Amino acid sequence: MSRKEFDDAISSGRKLVILDDLVLDVDPFISKHPGGRFVIEHNVGTDISKFFFGGYSLEGNIGKQTPGYNHSPFAR
């Protein structure tokens, strides 16, 4: 999928994210995410690798560095 195709899909309402080199449709998973719906919805259309692998935290990240969440092997 090209970047233009990805952006067009997002514009048309698809719930896609990028994880490494994969484009994932997260729509079926949004309501099941253990961290809550907001976490996924806030990141639709972005590369979520930094969150998924623990290099960044969405919560409490303004003005300070916080440890990220490192997903379990099961989540991976």
N, C-alpha and C. Protein backbone atom coordinates (compact mmCIF):
# COMPACT_ATOMS: atom_id res chain seq x y z
N MET A 1 0.86 -1.17 0.00
CA MET A 1 0.00 0.00 0.00
C MET A 1 0.90 1.23 0.00
N SER A 2 0.67 2.12 -0.91
CA SER A 2 1.45 3.35 -0.96
C SER A 2 0.98 4.31 0.13
N ARG A 3 1.77 5.33 0.40
CA ARG A 3 1.38 6.32 1.41
C ARG A 3 0.10 7.03 0.99
N LYS A 4 -0.04 7.31 -0.30
CA LYS A 4 -1.26 7.97 -0.78
C LYS A 4 -2.47 7.07 -0.57
N GLU A 5 -2.34 5.79 -0.89
CA GLU A 5 -3.45 4.85 -0.66
C GLU A 5 -3.80 4.78 0.82
N PHE A 6 -2.78 4.77 1.67
CA PHE A 6 -2.99 4.75 3.12
C PHE A 6 -3.75 6.00 3.55
N ASP A 7 -3.27 7.16 3.14
CA ASP A 7 -3.91 8.43 3.52
C ASP A 7 -5.34 8.51 2.99
N ASP A 8 -5.56 8.04 1.77
CA ASP A 8 -6.91 8.04 1.20
C ASP A 8 -7.84 7.12 1.99
N ALA A 9 -7.31 5.96 2.41
CA ALA A 9 -8.12 5.03 3.20
C ALA A 9 -8.49 5.64 4.55
N ILE A 10 -7.56 6.34 5.18
CA ILE A 10 -7.83 7.02 6.44
C ILE A 10 -8.89 8.09 6.22
N SER A 11 -8.75 8.86 5.15
CA SER A 11 -9.71 9.92 4.84
C SER A 11 -11.12 9.38 4.61
N SER A 12 -11.19 8.16 4.10
CA SER A 12 -12.51 7.56 3.85
C SER A 12 -13.08 6.85 5.07
N GLY A 13 -12.35 6.93 6.21
CA GLY A 13 -12.90 6.40 7.45
C GLY A 13 -12.33 5.08 7.92
N ARG A 14 -11.40 4.50 7.18
CA ARG A 14 -10.81 3.24 7.64
C ARG A 14 -9.93 3.50 8.85
N LYS A 15 -9.85 2.55 9.74
CA LYS A 15 -9.04 2.64 10.96
C LYS A 15 -7.77 1.83 10.77
N LEU A 16 -6.75 2.49 10.22
CA LEU A 16 -5.49 1.84 9.92
C LEU A 16 -4.37 2.47 10.72
N VAL A 17 -3.38 1.64 11.05
CA VAL A 17 -2.14 2.10 11.68
C VAL A 17 -0.98 1.40 11.00
N ILE A 18 0.21 1.92 11.23
CA ILE A 18 1.43 1.30 10.72
C ILE A 18 2.21 0.76 11.91
N LEU A 19 2.64 -0.48 11.83
CA LEU A 19 3.50 -1.09 12.85
C LEU A 19 4.68 -1.69 12.11
N ASP A 20 5.84 -1.09 12.28
CA ASP A 20 7.02 -1.44 11.49
C ASP A 20 6.67 -1.22 10.02
N ASP A 21 6.69 -2.26 9.22
CA ASP A 21 6.36 -2.11 7.79
C ASP A 21 4.98 -2.67 7.46
N LEU A 22 4.19 -2.91 8.47
CA LEU A 22 2.86 -3.48 8.26
C LEU A 22 1.78 -2.43 8.38
N VAL A 23 0.76 -2.51 7.54
CA VAL A 23 -0.43 -1.69 7.68
C VAL A 23 -1.48 -2.60 8.32
N LEU A 24 -1.97 -2.18 9.48
CA LEU A 24 -2.94 -2.99 10.22
C LEU A 24 -4.29 -2.29 10.28
N ASP A 25 -5.35 -3.05 10.05
CA ASP A 25 -6.71 -2.56 10.20
C ASP A 25 -7.11 -2.83 11.66
N VAL A 26 -7.19 -1.78 12.46
CA VAL A 26 -7.45 -1.95 13.90
C VAL A 26 -8.92 -1.81 14.27
N ASP A 27 -9.77 -1.59 13.29
CA ASP A 27 -11.19 -1.39 13.58
C ASP A 27 -11.81 -2.53 14.40
N PRO A 28 -11.55 -3.80 14.04
CA PRO A 28 -12.16 -4.88 14.83
C PRO A 28 -11.60 -4.99 16.26
N PHE A 29 -10.44 -4.38 16.49
CA PHE A 29 -9.74 -4.51 17.78
C PHE A 29 -9.99 -3.33 18.72
N ILE A 30 -10.49 -2.22 18.21
CA ILE A 30 -10.61 -1.01 19.02
C ILE A 30 -11.35 -1.25 20.33
N SER A 31 -12.46 -1.93 20.28
CA SER A 31 -13.25 -2.14 21.51
C SER A 31 -12.64 -3.19 22.43
N LYS A 32 -11.65 -3.93 21.96
CA LYS A 32 -11.04 -5.00 22.76
C LYS A 32 -9.68 -4.63 23.33
N HIS A 33 -9.14 -3.47 22.96
CA HIS A 33 -7.79 -3.09 23.40
C HIS A 33 -7.76 -2.92 24.92
N PRO A 34 -6.87 -3.65 25.61
CA PRO A 34 -6.82 -3.57 27.08
C PRO A 34 -6.50 -2.17 27.61
N GLY A 35 -5.81 -1.36 26.83
CA GLY A 35 -5.48 -0.01 27.26
C GLY A 35 -6.58 1.00 27.00
N GLY A 36 -7.66 0.55 26.40
CA GLY A 36 -8.79 1.42 26.14
C GLY A 36 -8.91 1.84 24.69
N ARG A 37 -10.09 2.19 24.34
CA ARG A 37 -10.45 2.60 22.98
C ARG A 37 -9.68 3.86 22.54
N PHE A 38 -9.52 4.81 23.46
CA PHE A 38 -8.89 6.08 23.14
C PHE A 38 -7.48 5.90 22.59
N VAL A 39 -6.74 4.98 23.17
CA VAL A 39 -5.34 4.77 22.77
C VAL A 39 -5.26 4.43 21.29
N ILE A 40 -6.13 3.56 20.83
CA ILE A 40 -6.12 3.17 19.42
C ILE A 40 -6.67 4.31 18.56
N GLU A 41 -7.82 4.85 18.93
CA GLU A 41 -8.45 5.88 18.11
C GLU A 41 -7.56 7.12 17.95
N HIS A 42 -6.83 7.46 19.00
CA HIS A 42 -5.93 8.62 18.95
C HIS A 42 -4.78 8.43 17.97
N ASN A 43 -4.45 7.18 17.66
CA ASN A 43 -3.29 6.89 16.82
C ASN A 43 -3.64 6.37 15.43
N VAL A 44 -4.91 6.36 15.07
CA VAL A 44 -5.30 5.94 13.72
C VAL A 44 -4.59 6.85 12.72
N GLY A 45 -4.00 6.23 11.70
CA GLY A 45 -3.32 6.98 10.66
C GLY A 45 -1.85 7.25 10.94
N THR A 46 -1.33 6.69 12.03
CA THR A 46 0.07 6.95 12.40
C THR A 46 0.87 5.65 12.50
N ASP A 47 2.17 5.82 12.68
CA ASP A 47 3.06 4.70 12.94
C ASP A 47 3.07 4.49 14.45
N ILE A 48 2.59 3.35 14.90
CA ILE A 48 2.46 3.08 16.34
C ILE A 48 3.65 2.32 16.92
N SER A 49 4.69 2.10 16.13
CA SER A 49 5.84 1.29 16.56
C SER A 49 6.43 1.78 17.88
N LYS A 50 6.60 3.10 18.03
CA LYS A 50 7.22 3.63 19.25
C LYS A 50 6.38 3.32 20.48
N PHE A 51 5.07 3.25 20.33
CA PHE A 51 4.21 2.89 21.46
C PHE A 51 4.25 1.38 21.70
N PHE A 52 4.15 0.62 20.64
CA PHE A 52 4.04 -0.83 20.76
C PHE A 52 5.28 -1.45 21.38
N PHE A 53 6.45 -0.94 21.02
CA PHE A 53 7.69 -1.52 21.52
C PHE A 53 8.25 -0.83 22.75
N GLY A 54 7.50 0.09 23.32
CA GLY A 54 7.86 0.65 24.61
C GLY A 54 8.78 1.84 24.61
N GLY A 55 8.99 2.46 23.49
CA GLY A 55 9.89 3.60 23.45
C GLY A 55 9.23 4.93 23.76
N TYR A 56 7.92 4.90 24.01
CA TYR A 56 7.20 6.16 24.17
C TYR A 56 5.90 5.86 24.91
N SER A 57 5.44 6.81 25.68
CA SER A 57 4.19 6.63 26.41
C SER A 57 3.22 7.74 26.02
N LEU A 58 2.01 7.39 25.70
CA LEU A 58 0.99 8.38 25.36
C LEU A 58 0.56 9.14 26.60
N GLU A 59 0.46 8.45 27.70
CA GLU A 59 -0.01 9.05 28.95
C GLU A 59 1.13 9.75 29.69
N GLY A 60 0.92 10.97 30.10
CA GLY A 60 1.90 11.68 30.92
C GLY A 60 3.15 12.10 30.17
N ASN A 61 3.05 12.29 28.86
CA ASN A 61 4.26 12.55 28.09
C ASN A 61 4.53 14.03 27.83
N ILE A 62 3.73 14.92 28.36
CA ILE A 62 3.92 16.34 28.09
C ILE A 62 4.94 16.92 29.06
N GLY A 63 6.04 17.43 28.52
CA GLY A 63 7.04 18.10 29.33
C GLY A 63 7.97 17.22 30.12
N LYS A 64 7.84 15.92 30.00
CA LYS A 64 8.75 15.03 30.72
C LYS A 64 8.86 13.70 29.99
N GLN A 65 9.91 13.02 30.26
CA GLN A 65 10.11 11.71 29.65
C GLN A 65 9.53 10.65 30.57
N THR A 66 8.69 9.81 30.04
CA THR A 66 8.08 8.74 30.83
C THR A 66 8.39 7.40 30.18
N PRO A 67 8.47 6.35 30.98
CA PRO A 67 8.72 5.04 30.38
C PRO A 67 7.53 4.59 29.55
N GLY A 68 7.78 3.98 28.43
CA GLY A 68 6.71 3.48 27.59
C GLY A 68 6.26 2.11 28.04
N TYR A 69 5.21 1.65 27.44
CA TYR A 69 4.68 0.33 27.73
C TYR A 69 5.24 -0.66 26.72
N ASN A 70 5.84 -1.72 27.20
CA ASN A 70 6.38 -2.74 26.32
C ASN A 70 5.40 -3.90 26.27
N HIS A 71 4.78 -4.13 25.14
CA HIS A 71 3.78 -5.19 24.99
C HIS A 71 4.38 -6.56 25.24
N SER A 72 3.57 -7.44 25.73
CA SER A 72 3.99 -8.81 26.03
C SER A 72 4.24 -9.60 24.74
N PRO A 73 4.93 -10.72 24.86
CA PRO A 73 5.09 -11.58 23.68
C PRO A 73 3.74 -12.03 23.13
N PHE A 74 2.74 -12.22 23.99
CA PHE A 74 1.41 -12.61 23.54
C PHE A 74 0.79 -11.53 22.65
N ALA A 75 0.96 -10.27 23.05
CA ALA A 75 0.42 -9.15 22.26
C ALA A 75 1.13 -9.06 20.91
N ARG A 76 2.42 -9.34 20.92
CA ARG A 76 3.18 -9.28 19.66
C ARG A 76 2.75 -10.37 18.72
